[in-house]
Structures are given as structure tokens and as C-alpha cells.
């Protein structure tokens, strides 16, 4: 599966390179294409996460009401999720959806000869970014992408922080091309989330007027 996906991504990357003559731009183009393919799934997950945010106040009330009865609390929270058709793990799902493509891109970079191709401040897309700019951006965009859809009192906060630090760390070890892919992917994710948040707010204003 991963090998097949990596081979397919290599063909698409070569097509982009034929037109751009720049591997950095080609990686960005490939990333945008992947995000477009994943858009329907991402949209559904963003809807689920938005519902999670909306029921956060109700969940907090339940936590206060049943703070001395963990079993009852868990039962009531699960019932709340069921009634509102939400997935408590939805905040991590857009991140998980990207993983097969991330692994495939990693496999692609292992076998691809960038011939020390550079991009912006990056001297070699096939080697780690020695300036650590991309790793920092990778961790930061991962955090923002997850945090924007995670309620402030959610237990997923620690997982979000851990994943962000982990992504930043592995980005210092792997090719800059992989970190570039991840940063661009997260930026697109952020734009999608902001657009959806705005559209939901507008829809609520129109329905209440």
C-alpha cells in the first residue's frame, strides 16, 4: 500500500517538476493535490469537531455534576456524544488521515534523487533543514491545526502538544522535503478550518436574524 502510494506520488511529483523546474514548488503542488483529494473526508471531520466544540459547555456541566461518580460521568458523556453524533477523537483524525501520505512521501524521499536541489533558504531538500526553521514550522502548524478545533478544556490538549513536539523533533532528523510537505499540508488544513468556522458563524447569524 505505502509502496504503491509512494510510486504514484513520484509520478505526480515528476509531472509537477516538468512544469516548475523546481522541486520545492513541485512538493507544494503535490501537497495541494493531496489535500484536494482528502477534502471530502476532512470536511466531515471538521464538522464533527465543530459539534464537539459546541457541546463542550454541556460536557463541562456533566463533569461538575458527576465529579464524584466517574462511572456515571463516563456514561452520561458517551450518551451526550451519541445524541449529538460526535466523535470524541475527531480532533486527531485529520492528522491521522495524513499519515499514509506522510509515510509514502518519506518512502519516496528515500529513493528520490533531488541532486541537492534547494528551495528558498533550504540548501538540500533531500537532507534535514540545518537552520531548524522547517522543524519549528512543522511543530507550530501541527499544534495550531489541532488546537483550533479542540475545546480549551478537552483532554486532547496534552496529546496535541505531544504530537506537535514529536513532529518537530522528527523533522530535524528527516529530509527537508518531508518537513516542507508537512508544513504546507498543515497550512492548507488551517485555511480549511478557518473557512468552515467562518461559514458556520455566518449560517448561524442568518438563521437567527
C-alpha atoms as a PDB file:
ATOM      1  CA  UNK A   1       0.000   0.000   0.000  1.00  0.00           C
ATOM      2  CA  UNK A   2       2.673   2.517   1.060  1.00  0.00           C
ATOM      3  CA  UNK A   3       4.991   1.485  -1.792  1.00  0.00           C
ATOM      4  CA  UNK A   4       2.178   1.828  -4.323  1.00  0.00           C
ATOM      5  CA  UNK A   5       1.221   5.241  -2.962  1.00  0.00           C
ATOM      6  CA  UNK A   6       4.872   6.346  -2.983  1.00  0.00           C
ATOM      7  CA  UNK A   7       5.243   5.280  -6.615  1.00  0.00           C
ATOM      8  CA  UNK A   8       2.115   7.185  -7.583  1.00  0.00           C
ATOM      9  CA  UNK A   9       3.292  10.293  -5.742  1.00  0.00           C
ATOM     10  CA  UNK A  10       6.666  10.086  -7.508  1.00  0.00           C
ATOM     11  CA  UNK A  11       4.969  10.128 -10.902  1.00  0.00           C
ATOM     12  CA  UNK A  12       2.893  13.164  -9.932  1.00  0.00           C
ATOM     13  CA  UNK A  13       5.969  14.910  -8.496  1.00  0.00           C
ATOM     14  CA  UNK A  14       7.791  14.384 -11.793  1.00  0.00           C
ATOM     15  CA  UNK A  15       4.872  15.894 -13.694  1.00  0.00           C
ATOM     16  CA  UNK A  16       4.936  18.990 -11.498  1.00  0.00           C
ATOM     17  CA  UNK A  17       8.710  19.251 -11.936  1.00  0.00           C
ATOM     18  CA  UNK A  18       8.367  19.213 -15.724  1.00  0.00           C
ATOM     19  CA  UNK A  19       6.414  22.454 -15.464  1.00  0.00           C
ATOM     20  CA  UNK A  20       8.023  24.197 -12.478  1.00  0.00           C
ATOM     21  CA  UNK A  21      11.667  23.055 -12.824  1.00  0.00           C
ATOM     22  CA  UNK A  22      11.806  23.443  -9.044  1.00  0.00           C
ATOM     23  CA  UNK A  23      11.464  20.588  -6.563  1.00  0.00           C
ATOM     24  CA  UNK A  24      10.256  22.858  -3.767  1.00  0.00           C
ATOM     25  CA  UNK A  25       7.371  24.142  -5.877  1.00  0.00           C
ATOM     26  CA  UNK A  26       6.718  20.590  -7.078  1.00  0.00           C
ATOM     27  CA  UNK A  27       6.384  19.358  -3.484  1.00  0.00           C
ATOM     28  CA  UNK A  28       3.977  22.214  -2.735  1.00  0.00           C
ATOM     29  CA  UNK A  29       1.934  21.356  -5.829  1.00  0.00           C
ATOM     30  CA  UNK A  30       1.806  17.684  -4.857  1.00  0.00           C
ATOM     31  CA  UNK A  31       0.737  18.614  -1.328  1.00  0.00           C
ATOM     32  CA  UNK A  32      -2.104  20.809  -2.589  1.00  0.00           C
ATOM     33  CA  UNK A  33      -3.307  17.987  -4.843  1.00  0.00           C
ATOM     34  CA  UNK A  34      -3.314  15.510  -1.937  1.00  0.00           C
ATOM     35  CA  UNK A  35      -5.269  17.935   0.246  1.00  0.00           C
ATOM     36  CA  UNK A  36      -7.839  18.383  -2.516  1.00  0.00           C
ATOM     37  CA  UNK A  37      -8.265  14.609  -2.733  1.00  0.00           C
ATOM     38  CA  UNK A  38      -8.736  14.399   1.044  1.00  0.00           C
ATOM     39  CA  UNK A  39     -11.051  17.416   1.214  1.00  0.00           C
ATOM     40  CA  UNK A  40     -14.385  15.493   1.464  1.00  0.00           C
ATOM     41  CA  UNK A  41     -13.077  13.392   4.375  1.00  0.00           C
ATOM     42  CA  UNK A  42     -11.501  16.414   6.012  1.00  0.00           C
ATOM     43  CA  UNK A  43     -14.742  18.375   5.742  1.00  0.00           C
ATOM     44  CA  UNK A  44     -16.699  15.632   7.506  1.00  0.00           C
ATOM     45  CA  UNK A  45     -14.149  15.502  10.305  1.00  0.00           C
ATOM     46  CA  UNK A  46     -14.187  19.285  10.683  1.00  0.00           C
ATOM     47  CA  UNK A  47     -17.963  19.147  11.026  1.00  0.00           C
ATOM     48  CA  UNK A  48     -17.628  16.543  13.761  1.00  0.00           C
ATOM     49  CA  UNK A  49     -15.005  18.584  15.589  1.00  0.00           C
ATOM     50  CA  UNK A  50     -17.191  21.698  15.385  1.00  0.00           C
ATOM     51  CA  UNK A  51     -20.013  19.792  17.069  1.00  0.00           C
ATOM     52  CA  UNK A  52     -17.514  18.730  19.729  1.00  0.00           C
ATOM     53  CA  UNK A  53     -16.781  22.381  20.445  1.00  0.00           C
ATOM     54  CA  UNK A  54     -20.480  23.214  20.627  1.00  0.00           C
ATOM     55  CA  UNK A  55     -21.232  20.567  23.258  1.00  0.00           C
ATOM     56  CA  UNK A  56     -18.158  21.409  25.342  1.00  0.00           C
ATOM     57  CA  UNK A  57     -20.193  23.565  27.807  1.00  0.00           C
ATOM     58  CA  UNK A  58     -22.664  20.689  28.313  1.00  0.00           C
ATOM     59  CA  UNK A  59     -19.786  18.289  28.893  1.00  0.00           C
ATOM     60  CA  UNK A  60     -18.307  20.645  31.475  1.00  0.00           C
ATOM     61  CA  UNK A  61     -21.623  20.754  33.346  1.00  0.00           C
ATOM     62  CA  UNK A  62     -21.718  16.966  33.424  1.00  0.00           C
ATOM     63  CA  UNK A  63     -18.167  16.876  34.770  1.00  0.00           C
ATOM     64  CA  UNK A  64     -19.162  19.210  37.598  1.00  0.00           C
ATOM     65  CA  UNK A  65     -22.394  17.332  38.322  1.00  0.00           C
ATOM     66  CA  UNK A  66     -20.848  13.857  38.433  1.00  0.00           C
ATOM     67  CA  UNK A  67     -17.335  14.720  39.603  1.00  0.00           C
ATOM     68  CA  UNK A  68     -17.621  12.166  42.405  1.00  0.00           C
ATOM     69  CA  UNK A  69     -19.066   9.412  40.234  1.00  0.00           C
ATOM     70  CA  UNK A  70     -16.682   8.567  37.396  1.00  0.00           C
ATOM     71  CA  UNK A  71     -18.744   5.660  36.114  1.00  0.00           C
ATOM     72  CA  UNK A  72     -21.899   7.769  35.840  1.00  0.00           C
ATOM     73  CA  UNK A  73     -19.913  10.625  34.310  1.00  0.00           C
ATOM     74  CA  UNK A  74     -18.487   8.418  31.566  1.00  0.00           C
ATOM     75  CA  UNK A  75     -21.927   7.022  30.809  1.00  0.00           C
ATOM     76  CA  UNK A  76     -23.523  10.476  30.577  1.00  0.00           C
ATOM     77  CA  UNK A  77     -20.722  11.844  28.398  1.00  0.00           C
ATOM     78  CA  UNK A  78     -20.961   8.921  25.991  1.00  0.00           C
ATOM     79  CA  UNK A  79     -24.727   9.480  25.823  1.00  0.00           C
ATOM     80  CA  UNK A  80     -24.101  13.156  25.080  1.00  0.00           C
ATOM     81  CA  UNK A  81     -21.761  12.180  22.253  1.00  0.00           C
ATOM     82  CA  UNK A  82     -24.313   9.721  20.882  1.00  0.00           C
ATOM     83  CA  UNK A  83     -27.199  12.202  20.913  1.00  0.00           C
ATOM     84  CA  UNK A  84     -25.133  14.832  19.123  1.00  0.00           C
ATOM     85  CA  UNK A  85     -23.470  12.371  16.742  1.00  0.00           C
ATOM     86  CA  UNK A  86     -19.919  13.415  17.565  1.00  0.00           C
ATOM     87  CA  UNK A  87     -16.637  11.533  17.708  1.00  0.00           C
ATOM     88  CA  UNK A  88     -14.541  12.395  20.805  1.00  0.00           C
ATOM     89  CA  UNK A  89     -11.351  11.574  18.898  1.00  0.00           C
ATOM     90  CA  UNK A  90     -12.251  13.770  15.920  1.00  0.00           C
ATOM     91  CA  UNK A  91      -9.599  16.362  16.780  1.00  0.00           C
ATOM     92  CA  UNK A  92      -6.836  13.914  15.903  1.00  0.00           C
ATOM     93  CA  UNK A  93      -8.438  12.381  12.816  1.00  0.00           C
ATOM     94  CA  UNK A  94      -7.368  14.980  10.212  1.00  0.00           C
ATOM     95  CA  UNK A  95      -3.829  14.432  11.467  1.00  0.00           C
ATOM     96  CA  UNK A  96      -4.200  10.652  11.189  1.00  0.00           C
ATOM     97  CA  UNK A  97      -5.673  10.941   7.695  1.00  0.00           C
ATOM     98  CA  UNK A  98      -2.410  12.473   6.532  1.00  0.00           C
ATOM     99  CA  UNK A  99      -0.227   9.704   7.943  1.00  0.00           C
ATOM    100  CA  UNK A 100      -0.376   7.245   4.984  1.00  0.00           C
ATOM    101  CA  UNK A 101       0.628  10.070   2.652  1.00  0.00           C
ATOM    102  CA  UNK A 102       3.360  11.172   5.049  1.00  0.00           C
ATOM    103  CA  UNK A 103       4.798   7.641   5.192  1.00  0.00           C
ATOM    104  CA  UNK A 104       4.529   7.312   1.416  1.00  0.00           C
ATOM    105  CA  UNK A 105       6.294  10.635   0.937  1.00  0.00           C
ATOM    106  CA  UNK A 106       9.023   9.509   3.332  1.00  0.00           C
ATOM    107  CA  UNK A 107       9.456   6.353   1.253  1.00  0.00           C
ATOM    108  CA  UNK A 108       9.579   8.491  -1.889  1.00  0.00           C
ATOM    109  CA  UNK A 109      12.332  10.686  -0.456  1.00  0.00           C
ATOM    110  CA  UNK A 110      14.406   7.629   0.449  1.00  0.00           C
ATOM    111  CA  UNK A 111      14.662   6.658  -3.208  1.00  0.00           C
ATOM    112  CA  UNK A 112      14.410  10.025  -4.940  1.00  0.00           C
ATOM    113  CA  UNK A 113      17.490  11.900  -6.144  1.00  0.00           C
ATOM    114  CA  UNK A 114      16.979  15.613  -5.599  1.00  0.00           C
ATOM    115  CA  UNK A 115      20.554  16.281  -6.766  1.00  0.00           C
ATOM    116  CA  UNK A 116      20.994  18.661  -3.819  1.00  0.00           C
ATOM    117  CA  UNK A 117      18.057  20.754  -5.035  1.00  0.00           C
ATOM    118  CA  UNK A 118      17.412  23.805  -2.862  1.00  0.00           C
ATOM    119  CA  UNK A 119      14.353  25.917  -2.151  1.00  0.00           C
ATOM    120  CA  UNK A 120      14.290  29.352  -0.519  1.00  0.00           C
ATOM    121  CA  UNK A 121      16.696  29.081   2.473  1.00  0.00           C
ATOM    122  CA  UNK A 122      16.889  25.271   2.176  1.00  0.00           C
ATOM    123  CA  UNK A 123      20.128  24.137   0.572  1.00  0.00           C
ATOM    124  CA  UNK A 124      19.151  20.499   0.030  1.00  0.00           C
ATOM    125  CA  UNK A 125      15.570  19.195   0.107  1.00  0.00           C
ATOM    126  CA  UNK A 126      16.930  15.669   0.444  1.00  0.00           C
ATOM    127  CA  UNK A 127      18.706  16.465   3.747  1.00  0.00           C
ATOM    128  CA  UNK A 128      17.476  17.814   7.119  1.00  0.00           C
ATOM    129  CA  UNK A 129      16.994  21.580   7.405  1.00  0.00           C
ATOM    130  CA  UNK A 130      20.094  22.706   9.293  1.00  0.00           C
ATOM    131  CA  UNK A 131      18.504  26.068  10.149  1.00  0.00           C
ATOM    132  CA  UNK A 132      15.700  24.297  12.078  1.00  0.00           C
ATOM    133  CA  UNK A 133      13.190  26.724  10.560  1.00  0.00           C
ATOM    134  CA  UNK A 134      11.139  23.973   8.910  1.00  0.00           C
ATOM    135  CA  UNK A 135      11.066  21.730  12.016  1.00  0.00           C
ATOM    136  CA  UNK A 136       9.804  24.648  14.112  1.00  0.00           C
ATOM    137  CA  UNK A 137       7.177  25.481  11.491  1.00  0.00           C
ATOM    138  CA  UNK A 138       6.175  21.812  11.287  1.00  0.00           C
ATOM    139  CA  UNK A 139       5.609  21.625  15.042  1.00  0.00           C
ATOM    140  CA  UNK A 140       3.872  25.008  15.224  1.00  0.00           C
ATOM    141  CA  UNK A 141       1.478  24.370  12.335  1.00  0.00           C
ATOM    142  CA  UNK A 142       0.676  20.908  13.712  1.00  0.00           C
ATOM    143  CA  UNK A 143      -0.207  22.463  17.062  1.00  0.00           C
ATOM    144  CA  UNK A 144      -2.335  25.236  15.557  1.00  0.00           C
ATOM    145  CA  UNK A 145      -4.116  22.887  13.164  1.00  0.00           C
ATOM    146  CA  UNK A 146      -5.144  20.614  16.035  1.00  0.00           C
ATOM    147  CA  UNK A 147      -5.706  23.314  18.659  1.00  0.00           C
ATOM    148  CA  UNK A 148      -8.122  25.372  16.579  1.00  0.00           C
ATOM    149  CA  UNK A 149     -10.620  22.515  16.597  1.00  0.00           C
ATOM    150  CA  UNK A 150     -10.002  21.238  20.136  1.00  0.00           C
ATOM    151  CA  UNK A 151     -12.106  22.649  23.002  1.00  0.00           C
ATOM    152  CA  UNK A 152      -9.997  24.502  25.570  1.00  0.00           C
ATOM    153  CA  UNK A 153     -10.970  22.095  28.346  1.00  0.00           C
ATOM    154  CA  UNK A 154     -10.531  18.978  26.232  1.00  0.00           C
ATOM    155  CA  UNK A 155      -8.337  16.129  27.445  1.00  0.00           C
ATOM    156  CA  UNK A 156      -6.827  16.039  23.957  1.00  0.00           C
ATOM    157  CA  UNK A 157      -4.722  19.092  24.782  1.00  0.00           C
ATOM    158  CA  UNK A 158      -1.782  17.068  26.074  1.00  0.00           C
ATOM    159  CA  UNK A 159      -1.914  14.756  23.056  1.00  0.00           C
ATOM    160  CA  UNK A 160      -1.927  17.769  20.723  1.00  0.00           C
ATOM    161  CA  UNK A 161       1.157  19.208  22.417  1.00  0.00           C
ATOM    162  CA  UNK A 162       2.938  15.843  22.401  1.00  0.00           C
ATOM    163  CA  UNK A 163       2.234  15.282  18.699  1.00  0.00           C
ATOM    164  CA  UNK A 164       3.451  18.783  17.845  1.00  0.00           C
ATOM    165  CA  UNK A 165       6.734  18.300  19.694  1.00  0.00           C
ATOM    166  CA  UNK A 166       7.153  14.851  18.154  1.00  0.00           C
ATOM    167  CA  UNK A 167       6.586  16.193  14.627  1.00  0.00           C
ATOM    168  CA  UNK A 168       9.100  18.998  15.236  1.00  0.00           C
ATOM    169  CA  UNK A 169      11.660  16.501  16.528  1.00  0.00           C
ATOM    170  CA  UNK A 170      11.382  14.035  13.641  1.00  0.00           C
ATOM    171  CA  UNK A 171      11.536  16.964  11.215  1.00  0.00           C
ATOM    172  CA  UNK A 172      15.081  17.641  12.435  1.00  0.00           C
ATOM    173  CA  UNK A 173      16.045  14.076  11.521  1.00  0.00           C
ATOM    174  CA  UNK A 174      14.415  13.636   8.125  1.00  0.00           C
ATOM    175  CA  UNK A 175      14.680  15.326   4.730  1.00  0.00           C
ATOM    176  CA  UNK A 176      13.618  18.957   4.483  1.00  0.00           C
ATOM    177  CA  UNK A 177      11.314  17.960   1.627  1.00  0.00           C
ATOM    178  CA  UNK A 178       9.255  15.907   4.074  1.00  0.00           C
ATOM    179  CA  UNK A 179       9.007  18.805   6.534  1.00  0.00           C
ATOM    180  CA  UNK A 180       8.041  21.130   3.676  1.00  0.00           C
ATOM    181  CA  UNK A 181       5.249  18.747   2.704  1.00  0.00           C
ATOM    182  CA  UNK A 182       4.008  18.644   6.297  1.00  0.00           C
ATOM    183  CA  UNK A 183       4.099  22.427   6.804  1.00  0.00           C
ATOM    184  CA  UNK A 184       2.212  23.159   3.575  1.00  0.00           C
ATOM    185  CA  UNK A 185      -0.313  20.431   4.377  1.00  0.00           C
ATOM    186  CA  UNK A 186      -0.959  21.932   7.812  1.00  0.00           C
ATOM    187  CA  UNK A 187      -1.291  25.453   6.413  1.00  0.00           C
ATOM    188  CA  UNK A 188      -3.936  24.250   3.964  1.00  0.00           C
ATOM    189  CA  UNK A 189      -5.651  22.448   6.838  1.00  0.00           C
ATOM    190  CA  UNK A 190      -5.704  25.684   8.837  1.00  0.00           C
ATOM    191  CA  UNK A 191      -7.237  27.592   5.926  1.00  0.00           C
ATOM    192  CA  UNK A 192      -9.927  24.923   5.540  1.00  0.00           C
ATOM    193  CA  UNK A 193     -10.716  25.090   9.245  1.00  0.00           C
ATOM    194  CA  UNK A 194     -10.922  28.890   9.286  1.00  0.00           C
ATOM    195  CA  UNK A 195     -13.172  28.948   6.210  1.00  0.00           C
ATOM    196  CA  UNK A 196     -15.509  26.379   7.722  1.00  0.00           C
ATOM    197  CA  UNK A 197     -15.584  28.169  11.084  1.00  0.00           C
ATOM    198  CA  UNK A 198     -16.454  31.400   9.307  1.00  0.00           C
ATOM    199  CA  UNK A 199     -19.156  29.776   7.172  1.00  0.00           C
ATOM    200  CA  UNK A 200     -20.757  28.167  10.247  1.00  0.00           C
ATOM    201  CA  UNK A 201     -20.769  31.525  12.050  1.00  0.00           C
ATOM    202  CA  UNK A 202     -22.393  33.236   9.050  1.00  0.00           C
ATOM    203  CA  UNK A 203     -25.014  30.482   8.795  1.00  0.00           C
ATOM    204  CA  UNK A 204     -25.888  30.921  12.485  1.00  0.00           C
ATOM    205  CA  UNK A 205     -26.222  34.686  12.065  1.00  0.00           C
ATOM    206  CA  UNK A 206     -28.543  34.250   9.093  1.00  0.00           C
ATOM    207  CA  UNK A 207     -30.709  31.672  10.881  1.00  0.00           C
ATOM    208  CA  UNK A 208     -31.061  33.854  13.980  1.00  0.00           C
ATOM    209  CA  UNK A 209     -31.940  37.002  12.025  1.00  0.00           C
END
